[in-house]
Amino acid sequence: MVSTTLEIKTLTPIWTGDAGGKCTEIKETGIIGSMRWWYEAIVRGLGGYACDPTLSGDSCKFDTDGYEKALENGESVEDALAVGLKKVCPACQLFGCTGWKRRFRMEISDVAGLFSKGIKGGFNGTFKLNIYETDAIADSEKWLFYQTLKIIERYGAIGGRTTRKPQQGPIGQNYGLINVDFSDMSKWNSCSSYAKVKGGVIENKKGIGKKNDENWFDFRYYWVVEGKYMNRLDMNDMLKLDKKGKPKSSSNIDFYKFLRGQEGVSKKIFSFDKPKRVFGYVRNEEELNKIADLLKSGFEIKKGGDILLSLEELGNA
């Protein structure tokens, strides 16, 4: 079985908690879930369709009947699989969906560090992510998976609790920032190219015939400010919330509702102190411009669309 290993060092604690709200081990499911969330956003940002697997009405399904019928008609297994996957989005093709298993298995090993308890709990230290190809991962998938992990490391975060911030004071608990040694995965960067992957996800979207929901994370409308930090009160001010986190009477409009999220739906702004980084996402170019206007002086945003255009350079960084 083909395997690839990533060596991870936490810059801030990683949280992959259990049902009891504790983090006593690094759970592969928590890591994979985060990876998929970013992968979906990048597929959408490249012009493709990626379903939301948490919504049963929108999640993909492998066409088992079409696959079996193609085999009965004498088509090769490869061609029959293409029939079965015709209505399956790129994220589900790699991470799995109903009737189609994930193409890889992930194991955590060589964990060295400390699991802290309490409200500021989480894991600090190093560990290895061992990725085993249970089915052959396509070249385009390898390239996009690699770029996704590069973006997570350089611009994003992984795991849970990434939106938690202190009520006051300059610094609070940050979660999910990592440093990755890509040495064993570097060859994935040369498996395909930006143009080929973009063309492939666009063709896939045409075959599926669906549109992304405007509220789903589309990386074109991602924004990041490097070298800056916002505590919860800073965020509340930007989101038109009072000191208790309640909406101000003049801010009950759709744009601010989207940014603030709600119970069970995360807010759309994330901030970290070490290293300093603020990022988030909106739904269109107009809202990106609104974000730029809302941010403090000196907070210069880098847009997701520009990051996507430089993916090949990023992969070589």
C-alpha atoms as a PDB file:
ATOM      1  CA  MET A   1       0.000   0.000   0.000  1.00  0.00           C
ATOM      2  CA  VAL A   2       1.436   3.376  -1.076  1.00  0.00           C
ATOM      3  CA  SER A   3       2.036   5.703   1.865  1.00  0.00           C
ATOM      4  CA  THR A   4       3.050   9.322   2.322  1.00  0.00           C
ATOM      5  CA  THR A   5       4.056  10.932   5.604  1.00  0.00           C
ATOM      6  CA  LEU A   6       3.663  14.527   6.771  1.00  0.00           C
ATOM      7  CA  GLU A   7       5.487  15.741   9.859  1.00  0.00           C
ATOM      8  CA  ILE A   8       3.415  18.270  11.817  1.00  0.00           C
ATOM      9  CA  LYS A   9       4.548  20.752  14.438  1.00  0.00           C
ATOM     10  CA  THR A  10       1.896  22.765  16.266  1.00  0.00           C
ATOM     11  CA  LEU A  11       2.379  26.519  16.467  1.00  0.00           C
ATOM     12  CA  THR A  12      -0.730  26.744  18.657  1.00  0.00           C
ATOM     13  CA  PRO A  13      -2.712  23.910  20.293  1.00  0.00           C
ATOM     14  CA  ILE A  14      -4.748  21.645  18.035  1.00  0.00           C
ATOM     15  CA  TRP A  15      -8.201  20.658  19.252  1.00  0.00           C
ATOM     16  CA  THR A  16      -9.817  17.437  18.040  1.00  0.00           C
ATOM     17  CA  GLY A  17     -12.226  16.906  20.899  1.00  0.00           C
ATOM     18  CA  ASP A  18     -14.529  14.012  21.611  1.00  0.00           C
ATOM     19  CA  ALA A  19     -18.254  13.952  22.391  1.00  0.00           C
ATOM     20  CA  GLY A  20     -17.470  14.812  26.001  1.00  0.00           C
ATOM     21  CA  GLY A  21     -15.710  18.015  25.044  1.00  0.00           C
ATOM     22  CA  LYS A  22     -12.229  16.749  25.905  1.00  0.00           C
ATOM     23  CA  CYS A  23      -9.091  16.540  23.797  1.00  0.00           C
ATOM     24  CA  THR A  24      -7.056  13.570  25.008  1.00  0.00           C
ATOM     25  CA  GLU A  25      -5.835  12.353  21.627  1.00  0.00           C
ATOM     26  CA  ILE A  26      -5.422  13.606  18.069  1.00  0.00           C
ATOM     27  CA  LYS A  27      -8.384  12.228  16.165  1.00  0.00           C
ATOM     28  CA  GLU A  28      -7.899  11.468  12.495  1.00  0.00           C
ATOM     29  CA  THR A  29     -11.554  12.292  11.813  1.00  0.00           C
ATOM     30  CA  GLY A  30     -11.081  15.833  13.117  1.00  0.00           C
ATOM     31  CA  ILE A  31      -8.041  16.382  10.904  1.00  0.00           C
ATOM     32  CA  ILE A  32      -9.718  14.871   7.834  1.00  0.00           C
ATOM     33  CA  GLY A  33     -12.860  16.952   8.371  1.00  0.00           C
ATOM     34  CA  SER A  34     -10.834  20.165   8.373  1.00  0.00           C
ATOM     35  CA  MET A  35      -8.885  19.115   5.306  1.00  0.00           C
ATOM     36  CA  ARG A  36     -12.083  18.376   3.441  1.00  0.00           C
ATOM     37  CA  TRP A  37     -13.599  21.768   4.383  1.00  0.00           C
ATOM     38  CA  TRP A  38     -10.641  23.598   2.847  1.00  0.00           C
ATOM     39  CA  TYR A  39     -10.508  21.222  -0.141  1.00  0.00           C
ATOM     40  CA  GLU A  40     -14.182  21.886  -0.911  1.00  0.00           C
ATOM     41  CA  ALA A  41     -13.613  25.651  -0.758  1.00  0.00           C
ATOM     42  CA  ILE A  42     -10.689  25.484  -3.172  1.00  0.00           C
ATOM     43  CA  VAL A  43     -12.662  23.317  -5.626  1.00  0.00           C
ATOM     44  CA  ARG A  44     -15.409  25.968  -5.597  1.00  0.00           C
ATOM     45  CA  GLY A  45     -12.822  28.708  -5.925  1.00  0.00           C
ATOM     46  CA  LEU A  46     -11.465  27.054  -9.067  1.00  0.00           C
ATOM     47  CA  GLY A  47     -14.931  27.140 -10.616  1.00  0.00           C
ATOM     48  CA  GLY A  48     -16.027  23.629  -9.658  1.00  0.00           C
ATOM     49  CA  TYR A  49     -18.894  22.239  -7.614  1.00  0.00           C
ATOM     50  CA  ALA A  50     -18.375  20.722  -4.149  1.00  0.00           C
ATOM     51  CA  CYS A  51     -21.361  19.517  -2.167  1.00  0.00           C
ATOM     52  CA  ASP A  52     -21.933  20.065   1.530  1.00  0.00           C
ATOM     53  CA  PRO A  53     -21.907  16.505   2.936  1.00  0.00           C
ATOM     54  CA  THR A  54     -23.679  17.680   6.099  1.00  0.00           C
ATOM     55  CA  LEU A  55     -26.800  18.401   4.038  1.00  0.00           C
ATOM     56  CA  SER A  56     -28.439  15.137   3.038  1.00  0.00           C
ATOM     57  CA  GLY A  57     -30.314  16.699   0.145  1.00  0.00           C
ATOM     58  CA  ASP A  58     -27.144  18.079  -1.439  1.00  0.00           C
ATOM     59  CA  SER A  59     -24.600  15.356  -0.678  1.00  0.00           C
ATOM     60  CA  CYS A  60     -23.245  13.208  -3.506  1.00  0.00           C
ATOM     61  CA  LYS A  61     -24.006   9.551  -4.164  1.00  0.00           C
ATOM     62  CA  PHE A  62     -22.090   7.075  -6.280  1.00  0.00           C
ATOM     63  CA  ASP A  63     -24.295   5.774  -9.112  1.00  0.00           C
ATOM     64  CA  THR A  64     -24.119   2.074  -8.291  1.00  0.00           C
ATOM     65  CA  ASP A  65     -26.835   1.139 -10.826  1.00  0.00           C
ATOM     66  CA  GLY A  66     -25.063   3.004 -13.611  1.00  0.00           C
ATOM     67  CA  TYR A  67     -21.747   1.385 -12.693  1.00  0.00           C
ATOM     68  CA  GLU A  68     -23.190  -2.144 -12.699  1.00  0.00           C
ATOM     69  CA  LYS A  69     -25.082  -1.566 -15.932  1.00  0.00           C
ATOM     70  CA  ALA A  70     -21.903  -0.337 -17.622  1.00  0.00           C
ATOM     71  CA  LEU A  71     -20.105  -3.502 -16.568  1.00  0.00           C
ATOM     72  CA  GLU A  72     -22.965  -5.628 -17.886  1.00  0.00           C
ATOM     73  CA  ASN A  73     -22.642  -3.818 -21.212  1.00  0.00           C
ATOM     74  CA  GLY A  74     -19.011  -4.900 -21.458  1.00  0.00           C
ATOM     75  CA  GLU A  75     -17.339  -1.641 -20.473  1.00  0.00           C
ATOM     76  CA  SER A  76     -14.055  -1.750 -18.593  1.00  0.00           C
ATOM     77  CA  VAL A  77     -13.967  -1.247 -14.827  1.00  0.00           C
ATOM     78  CA  GLU A  78     -12.300   2.133 -15.375  1.00  0.00           C
ATOM     79  CA  ASP A  79     -15.049   3.306 -17.744  1.00  0.00           C
ATOM     80  CA  ALA A  80     -17.761   1.903 -15.476  1.00  0.00           C
ATOM     81  CA  LEU A  81     -16.293   3.818 -12.531  1.00  0.00           C
ATOM     82  CA  ALA A  82     -16.377   6.996 -14.608  1.00  0.00           C
ATOM     83  CA  VAL A  83     -20.119   6.421 -15.086  1.00  0.00           C
ATOM     84  CA  GLY A  84     -20.659   5.886 -11.376  1.00  0.00           C
ATOM     85  CA  LEU A  85     -18.674   9.000 -10.490  1.00  0.00           C
ATOM     86  CA  LYS A  86     -20.200  11.305 -13.106  1.00  0.00           C
ATOM     87  CA  LYS A  87     -22.460  12.996 -10.541  1.00  0.00           C
ATOM     88  CA  VAL A  88     -19.907  12.934  -7.704  1.00  0.00           C
ATOM     89  CA  CYS A  89     -18.074  16.154  -6.881  1.00  0.00           C
ATOM     90  CA  PRO A  90     -14.253  16.259  -6.679  1.00  0.00           C
ATOM     91  CA  ALA A  91     -14.266  16.473  -2.871  1.00  0.00           C
ATOM     92  CA  CYS A  92     -16.438  13.357  -2.551  1.00  0.00           C
ATOM     93  CA  GLN A  93     -14.333  11.513  -5.113  1.00  0.00           C
ATOM     94  CA  LEU A  94     -11.334  11.890  -2.795  1.00  0.00           C
ATOM     95  CA  PHE A  95     -12.946  11.970   0.658  1.00  0.00           C
ATOM     96  CA  GLY A  96     -15.847   9.608  -0.012  1.00  0.00           C
ATOM     97  CA  CYS A  97     -19.646   9.720  -0.107  1.00  0.00           C
ATOM     98  CA  THR A  98     -22.609   7.337  -0.094  1.00  0.00           C
ATOM     99  CA  GLY A  99     -21.578   4.282  -2.110  1.00  0.00           C
ATOM    100  CA  TRP A 100     -17.992   5.464  -2.544  1.00  0.00           C
ATOM    101  CA  LYS A 101     -15.267   5.099   0.080  1.00  0.00           C
ATOM    102  CA  ARG A 102     -12.491   7.550   0.792  1.00  0.00           C
ATOM    103  CA  ARG A 103      -9.416   6.913  -1.371  1.00  0.00           C
ATOM    104  CA  PHE A 104      -7.034   7.059   1.559  1.00  0.00           C
ATOM    105  CA  ARG A 105      -6.626   6.045   5.174  1.00  0.00           C
ATOM    106  CA  MET A 106      -4.915   8.319   7.664  1.00  0.00           C
ATOM    107  CA  GLU A 107      -3.081   7.320  10.816  1.00  0.00           C
ATOM    108  CA  ILE A 108      -1.470   9.448  13.515  1.00  0.00           C
ATOM    109  CA  SER A 109       1.916   8.308  14.846  1.00  0.00           C
ATOM    110  CA  ASP A 110       4.997   9.536  16.717  1.00  0.00           C
ATOM    111  CA  VAL A 111       2.984  11.847  18.956  1.00  0.00           C
ATOM    112  CA  ALA A 112       5.323  13.847  21.195  1.00  0.00           C
ATOM    113  CA  GLY A 113       3.923  16.660  23.295  1.00  0.00           C
ATOM    114  CA  LEU A 114       1.368  17.631  25.877  1.00  0.00           C
ATOM    115  CA  PHE A 115      -2.422  17.379  26.037  1.00  0.00           C
ATOM    116  CA  SER A 116      -3.618  20.245  28.239  1.00  0.00           C
ATOM    117  CA  LYS A 117      -6.906  20.125  30.128  1.00  0.00           C
ATOM    118  CA  GLY A 118      -9.543  22.764  30.765  1.00  0.00           C
ATOM    119  CA  ILE A 119     -10.955  25.563  28.658  1.00  0.00           C
ATOM    120  CA  LYS A 120      -7.553  26.218  27.125  1.00  0.00           C
ATOM    121  CA  GLY A 121      -6.901  22.555  26.457  1.00  0.00           C
ATOM    122  CA  GLY A 122      -5.577  20.957  23.297  1.00  0.00           C
ATOM    123  CA  PHE A 123      -2.419  19.329  21.991  1.00  0.00           C
ATOM    124  CA  ASN A 124       0.959  21.053  21.735  1.00  0.00           C
ATOM    125  CA  GLY A 125       3.851  19.212  20.148  1.00  0.00           C
ATOM    126  CA  THR A 126       4.708  17.171  17.067  1.00  0.00           C
ATOM    127  CA  PHE A 127       3.204  14.181  15.306  1.00  0.00           C
ATOM    128  CA  LYS A 128       3.142  12.432  11.968  1.00  0.00           C
ATOM    129  CA  LEU A 129       0.236  12.097   9.550  1.00  0.00           C
ATOM    130  CA  ASN A 130       0.605   8.873   7.599  1.00  0.00           C
ATOM    131  CA  ILE A 131      -1.552   8.791   4.461  1.00  0.00           C
ATOM    132  CA  TYR A 132      -2.161   5.359   2.910  1.00  0.00           C
ATOM    133  CA  GLU A 133      -3.698   5.103  -0.558  1.00  0.00           C
ATOM    134  CA  THR A 134      -6.392   2.464  -0.174  1.00  0.00           C
ATOM    135  CA  ASP A 135      -7.333   3.189  -3.799  1.00  0.00           C
ATOM    136  CA  ALA A 136      -5.155   5.003  -6.301  1.00  0.00           C
ATOM    137  CA  ILE A 137      -5.363   8.764  -5.820  1.00  0.00           C
ATOM    138  CA  ALA A 138      -5.555  10.514  -9.187  1.00  0.00           C
ATOM    139  CA  ASP A 139      -2.776  12.918 -10.138  1.00  0.00           C
ATOM    140  CA  SER A 140      -5.161  15.876 -10.132  1.00  0.00           C
ATOM    141  CA  GLU A 141      -6.327  14.912  -6.642  1.00  0.00           C
ATOM    142  CA  LYS A 142      -2.759  14.650  -5.364  1.00  0.00           C
ATOM    143  CA  TRP A 143      -1.928  18.098  -6.711  1.00  0.00           C
ATOM    144  CA  LEU A 144      -5.027  19.681  -5.213  1.00  0.00           C
ATOM    145  CA  PHE A 145      -4.603  17.874  -1.882  1.00  0.00           C
ATOM    146  CA  TYR A 146      -1.033  19.140  -1.670  1.00  0.00           C
ATOM    147  CA  GLN A 147      -2.050  22.731  -2.447  1.00  0.00           C
ATOM    148  CA  THR A 148      -4.862  22.510   0.106  1.00  0.00           C
ATOM    149  CA  LEU A 149      -2.446  21.523   2.854  1.00  0.00           C
ATOM    150  CA  LYS A 150      -0.039  24.276   1.793  1.00  0.00           C
ATOM    151  CA  ILE A 151      -2.844  26.834   2.059  1.00  0.00           C
ATOM    152  CA  ILE A 152      -3.916  25.511   5.463  1.00  0.00           C
ATOM    153  CA  GLU A 153      -0.353  25.841   6.746  1.00  0.00           C
ATOM    154  CA  ARG A 154       0.367  29.247   5.253  1.00  0.00           C
ATOM    155  CA  TYR A 155      -2.996  30.997   5.496  1.00  0.00           C
ATOM    156  CA  GLY A 156      -5.429  28.924   7.547  1.00  0.00           C
ATOM    157  CA  ALA A 157      -5.863  26.623  10.532  1.00  0.00           C
ATOM    158  CA  ILE A 158      -6.949  23.070  11.269  1.00  0.00           C
ATOM    159  CA  GLY A 159      -9.099  21.313  13.864  1.00  0.00           C
ATOM    160  CA  GLY A 160     -11.768  22.727  16.185  1.00  0.00           C
ATOM    161  CA  ARG A 161     -12.180  25.807  18.395  1.00  0.00           C
ATOM    162  CA  THR A 162     -10.466  28.098  15.881  1.00  0.00           C
ATOM    163  CA  THR A 163     -13.036  30.863  16.460  1.00  0.00           C
ATOM    164  CA  ARG A 164     -12.535  31.069  20.243  1.00  0.00           C
ATOM    165  CA  LYS A 165     -11.083  34.385  21.393  1.00  0.00           C
ATOM    166  CA  PRO A 166     -10.728  36.199  24.742  1.00  0.00           C
ATOM    167  CA  GLN A 167     -13.351  38.708  25.798  1.00  0.00           C
ATOM    168  CA  GLN A 168     -10.653  41.270  26.478  1.00  0.00           C
ATOM    169  CA  GLY A 169      -6.897  41.618  26.630  1.00  0.00           C
ATOM    170  CA  PRO A 170      -4.452  41.503  23.737  1.00  0.00           C
ATOM    171  CA  ILE A 171      -3.826  37.769  23.658  1.00  0.00           C
ATOM    172  CA  GLY A 172      -5.939  34.684  24.280  1.00  0.00           C
ATOM    173  CA  GLN A 173      -5.985  31.066  23.301  1.00  0.00           C
ATOM    174  CA  ASN A 174      -5.387  30.306  19.634  1.00  0.00           C
ATOM    175  CA  TYR A 175      -6.045  26.962  17.994  1.00  0.00           C
ATOM    176  CA  GLY A 176      -5.070  25.131  14.843  1.00  0.00           C
ATOM    177  CA  LEU A 177      -1.936  26.803  13.459  1.00  0.00           C
ATOM    178  CA  ILE A 178       0.648  24.314  12.235  1.00  0.00           C
ATOM    179  CA  ASN A 179       3.988  23.949  10.515  1.00  0.00           C
ATOM    180  CA  VAL A 180       4.260  21.069   8.033  1.00  0.00           C
ATOM    181  CA  ASP A 181       7.289  19.228   6.676  1.00  0.00           C
ATOM    182  CA  PHE A 182       6.177  18.336   3.133  1.00  0.00           C
ATOM    183  CA  SER A 183       9.383  16.507   2.172  1.00  0.00           C
ATOM    184  CA  ASP A 184       7.693  13.163   1.563  1.00  0.00           C
ATOM    185  CA  MET A 185       4.745  14.761  -0.262  1.00  0.00           C
ATOM    186  CA  SER A 186       6.645  17.271  -2.406  1.00  0.00           C
ATOM    187  CA  LYS A 187       6.345  15.049  -5.482  1.00  0.00           C
ATOM    188  CA  TRP A 188       2.551  15.523  -5.362  1.00  0.00           C
ATOM    189  CA  ASN A 189       3.091  19.133  -6.433  1.00  0.00           C
ATOM    190  CA  SER A 190       4.366  18.018  -9.828  1.00  0.00           C
ATOM    191  CA  CYS A 191       1.592  15.473 -10.481  1.00  0.00           C
ATOM    192  CA  SER A 192      -0.605  18.004 -12.272  1.00  0.00           C
ATOM    193  CA  SER A 193      -1.015  21.758 -12.754  1.00  0.00           C
ATOM    194  CA  TYR A 194      -3.326  24.644 -11.964  1.00  0.00           C
ATOM    195  CA  ALA A 195      -4.709  24.721 -15.525  1.00  0.00           C
ATOM    196  CA  LYS A 196      -5.404  20.981 -15.700  1.00  0.00           C
ATOM    197  CA  VAL A 197      -7.069  20.820 -12.291  1.00  0.00           C
ATOM    198  CA  LYS A 198      -9.161  23.921 -12.923  1.00  0.00           C
ATOM    199  CA  GLY A 199     -10.322  22.522 -16.265  1.00  0.00           C
ATOM    200  CA  GLY A 200     -11.163  19.187 -14.650  1.00  0.00           C
ATOM    201  CA  VAL A 201     -13.292  20.595 -11.829  1.00  0.00           C
ATOM    202  CA  ILE A 202     -15.175  22.840 -14.261  1.00  0.00           C
ATOM    203  CA  GLU A 203     -15.975  19.855 -16.489  1.00  0.00           C
ATOM    204  CA  ASN A 204     -17.084  17.890 -13.451  1.00  0.00           C
ATOM    205  CA  LYS A 205     -19.449  20.702 -12.470  1.00  0.00           C
ATOM    206  CA  LYS A 206     -21.011  20.653 -15.934  1.00  0.00           C
ATOM    207  CA  GLY A 207     -21.623  16.903 -15.612  1.00  0.00           C
ATOM    208  CA  ILE A 208     -23.201  17.260 -12.168  1.00  0.00           C
ATOM    209  CA  GLY A 209     -25.377  20.169 -13.252  1.00  0.00           C
ATOM    210  CA  LYS A 210     -25.600  21.814  -9.818  1.00  0.00           C
ATOM    211  CA  LYS A 211     -24.690  25.207  -8.414  1.00  0.00           C
ATOM    212  CA  ASN A 212     -22.902  25.895  -5.160  1.00  0.00           C
ATOM    213  CA  ASP A 213     -24.976  27.532  -2.447  1.00  0.00           C
ATOM    214  CA  GLU A 214     -23.849  31.149  -2.086  1.00  0.00           C
ATOM    215  CA  ASN A 215     -23.366  30.650   1.665  1.00  0.00           C
ATOM    216  CA  TRP A 216     -20.836  27.833   1.216  1.00  0.00           C
ATOM    217  CA  PHE A 217     -17.143  28.629   1.610  1.00  0.00           C
ATOM    218  CA  ASP A 218     -15.778  29.592  -1.823  1.00  0.00           C
ATOM    219  CA  PHE A 219     -12.054  30.314  -1.703  1.00  0.00           C
ATOM    220  CA  ARG A 220     -12.326  33.121  -4.254  1.00  0.00           C
ATOM    221  CA  TYR A 221     -14.033  35.125  -1.516  1.00  0.00           C
ATOM    222  CA  TYR A 222     -11.561  34.240   1.212  1.00  0.00           C
ATOM    223  CA  TRP A 223      -9.473  37.040   2.703  1.00  0.00           C
ATOM    224  CA  VAL A 224      -6.462  37.084   4.991  1.00  0.00           C
ATOM    225  CA  VAL A 225      -4.463  39.768   6.785  1.00  0.00           C
ATOM    226  CA  GLU A 226      -0.995  38.661   7.838  1.00  0.00           C
ATOM    227  CA  GLY A 227       0.839  40.196  10.771  1.00  0.00           C
ATOM    228  CA  LYS A 228      -2.321  41.487  12.497  1.00  0.00           C
ATOM    229  CA  TYR A 229      -4.539  40.279  15.359  1.00  0.00           C
ATOM    230  CA  MET A 230      -8.076  40.980  16.604  1.00  0.00           C
ATOM    231  CA  ASN A 231      -9.437  40.024  20.021  1.00  0.00           C
ATOM    232  CA  ARG A 232     -13.116  39.326  20.610  1.00  0.00           C
ATOM    233  CA  LEU A 233     -13.981  42.951  21.339  1.00  0.00           C
ATOM    234  CA  ASP A 234     -12.282  44.000  18.100  1.00  0.00           C
ATOM    235  CA  MET A 235     -14.351  41.393  16.275  1.00  0.00           C
ATOM    236  CA  ASN A 236     -17.550  42.469  18.022  1.00  0.00           C
ATOM    237  CA  ASP A 237     -16.965  46.028  16.886  1.00  0.00           C
ATOM    238  CA  MET A 238     -16.444  44.880  13.296  1.00  0.00           C
ATOM    239  CA  LEU A 239     -19.520  42.632  13.438  1.00  0.00           C
ATOM    240  CA  LYS A 240     -21.698  45.403  14.919  1.00  0.00           C
ATOM    241  CA  LEU A 241     -22.097  43.628  18.244  1.00  0.00           C
ATOM    242  CA  ASP A 242     -22.134  45.252  21.662  1.00  0.00           C
ATOM    243  CA  LYS A 243     -19.723  44.355  24.485  1.00  0.00           C
ATOM    244  CA  LYS A 244     -21.984  41.462  25.498  1.00  0.00           C
ATOM    245  CA  GLY A 245     -21.968  40.069  21.969  1.00  0.00           C
ATOM    246  CA  LYS A 246     -25.531  41.111  21.167  1.00  0.00           C
ATOM    247  CA  PRO A 247     -26.377  42.668  17.772  1.00  0.00           C
ATOM    248  CA  LYS A 248     -26.684  46.431  17.779  1.00  0.00           C
ATOM    249  CA  SER A 249     -30.089  47.698  16.710  1.00  0.00           C
ATOM    250  CA  SER A 250     -28.754  49.154  13.456  1.00  0.00           C
ATOM    251  CA  SER A 251     -26.875  46.035  12.320  1.00  0.00           C
ATOM    252  CA  ASN A 252     -29.631  43.513  11.650  1.00  0.00           C
ATOM    253  CA  ILE A 253     -28.869  43.117   7.958  1.00  0.00           C
ATOM    254  CA  ASP A 254     -27.974  39.999   5.999  1.00  0.00           C
ATOM    255  CA  PHE A 255     -24.265  40.789   5.552  1.00  0.00           C
ATOM    256  CA  TYR A 256     -23.613  41.066   9.295  1.00  0.00           C
ATOM    257  CA  LYS A 257     -25.845  38.083  10.072  1.00  0.00           C
ATOM    258  CA  PHE A 258     -23.743  35.983   7.701  1.00  0.00           C
ATOM    259  CA  LEU A 259     -20.458  37.134   9.232  1.00  0.00           C
ATOM    260  CA  ARG A 260     -21.651  36.574  12.800  1.00  0.00           C
ATOM    261  CA  GLY A 261     -23.046  33.089  12.227  1.00  0.00           C
ATOM    262  CA  GLN A 262     -25.468  31.627  14.748  1.00  0.00           C
ATOM    263  CA  GLU A 263     -25.842  28.697  17.097  1.00  0.00           C
ATOM    264  CA  GLY A 264     -24.445  25.679  15.285  1.00  0.00           C
ATOM    265  CA  VAL A 265     -23.032  27.850  12.485  1.00  0.00           C
ATOM    266  CA  SER A 266     -19.572  29.337  12.932  1.00  0.00           C
ATOM    267  CA  LYS A 267     -18.835  33.010  12.519  1.00  0.00           C
ATOM    268  CA  LYS A 268     -16.820  33.818   9.432  1.00  0.00           C
ATOM    269  CA  ILE A 269     -13.860  35.654  10.971  1.00  0.00           C
ATOM    270  CA  PHE A 270     -10.868  33.934  12.592  1.00  0.00           C
ATOM    271  CA  SER A 271      -7.976  35.608  14.406  1.00  0.00           C
ATOM    272  CA  PHE A 272      -4.653  34.351  15.769  1.00  0.00           C
ATOM    273  CA  ASP A 273      -1.794  35.918  17.678  1.00  0.00           C
ATOM    274  CA  LYS A 274       1.187  33.594  17.132  1.00  0.00           C
ATOM    275  CA  PRO A 275       1.841  34.086  14.325  1.00  0.00           C
ATOM    276  CA  LYS A 276      -0.489  37.046  13.879  1.00  0.00           C
ATOM    277  CA  ARG A 277      -3.125  36.240  11.291  1.00  0.00           C
ATOM    278  CA  VAL A 278      -6.732  37.265  10.663  1.00  0.00           C
ATOM    279  CA  PHE A 279      -8.786  35.534   7.996  1.00  0.00           C
ATOM    280  CA  GLY A 280     -12.351  34.903   6.963  1.00  0.00           C
ATOM    281  CA  TYR A 281     -14.650  34.521   3.998  1.00  0.00           C
ATOM    282  CA  VAL A 282     -17.655  36.181   2.454  1.00  0.00           C
ATOM    283  CA  ARG A 283     -19.959  35.372  -0.467  1.00  0.00           C
ATOM    284  CA  ASN A 284     -18.967  37.634  -3.341  1.00  0.00           C
ATOM    285  CA  GLU A 285     -16.586  40.333  -4.534  1.00  0.00           C
ATOM    286  CA  GLU A 286     -18.813  43.144  -3.278  1.00  0.00           C
ATOM    287  CA  GLU A 287     -18.667  41.750   0.260  1.00  0.00           C
ATOM    288  CA  LEU A 288     -14.880  41.407  -0.030  1.00  0.00           C
ATOM    289  CA  ASN A 289     -14.730  45.137  -0.653  1.00  0.00           C
ATOM    290  CA  LYS A 290     -16.962  45.731   2.395  1.00  0.00           C
ATOM    291  CA  ILE A 291     -14.549  43.722   4.541  1.00  0.00           C
ATOM    292  CA  ALA A 292     -11.661  45.885   3.362  1.00  0.00           C
ATOM    293  CA  ASP A 293     -13.624  48.989   4.397  1.00  0.00           C
ATOM    294  CA  LEU A 294     -14.532  47.570   7.825  1.00  0.00           C
ATOM    295  CA  LEU A 295     -10.999  46.573   8.818  1.00  0.00           C
ATOM    296  CA  LYS A 296      -8.734  48.914  10.740  1.00  0.00           C
ATOM    297  CA  SER A 297      -6.170  51.105   9.052  1.00  0.00           C
ATOM    298  CA  GLY A 298      -3.111  49.034   8.168  1.00  0.00           C
ATOM    299  CA  PHE A 299      -5.078  45.800   7.776  1.00  0.00           C
ATOM    300  CA  GLU A 300      -4.321  45.040   4.129  1.00  0.00           C
ATOM    301  CA  ILE A 301      -6.211  42.005   2.860  1.00  0.00           C
ATOM    302  CA  LYS A 302      -4.941  39.345   0.497  1.00  0.00           C
ATOM    303  CA  LYS A 303      -7.780  37.830  -1.517  1.00  0.00           C
ATOM    304  CA  GLY A 304      -8.349  34.132  -2.070  1.00  0.00           C
ATOM    305  CA  GLY A 305      -8.672  34.608  -5.822  1.00  0.00           C
ATOM    306  CA  ASP A 306      -5.147  36.016  -5.976  1.00  0.00           C
ATOM    307  CA  ILE A 307      -3.838  33.154  -3.828  1.00  0.00           C
ATOM    308  CA  LEU A 308      -5.421  30.650  -6.223  1.00  0.00           C
ATOM    309  CA  LEU A 309      -3.728  32.278  -9.202  1.00  0.00           C
ATOM    310  CA  SER A 310      -0.368  31.788  -7.522  1.00  0.00           C
ATOM    311  CA  LEU A 311      -0.910  28.155  -6.487  1.00  0.00           C
ATOM    312  CA  GLU A 312       1.952  26.771  -8.535  1.00  0.00           C
ATOM    313  CA  GLU A 313       4.352  29.332  -7.056  1.00  0.00           C
ATOM    314  CA  LEU A 314       2.963  28.542  -3.592  1.00  0.00           C
ATOM    315  CA  GLY A 315       3.532  24.854  -4.166  1.00  0.00           C
ATOM    316  CA  ASN A 316       7.180  25.475  -4.893  1.00  0.00           C
ATOM    317  CA  ALA A 317       7.667  27.734  -1.864  1.00  0.00           C
END
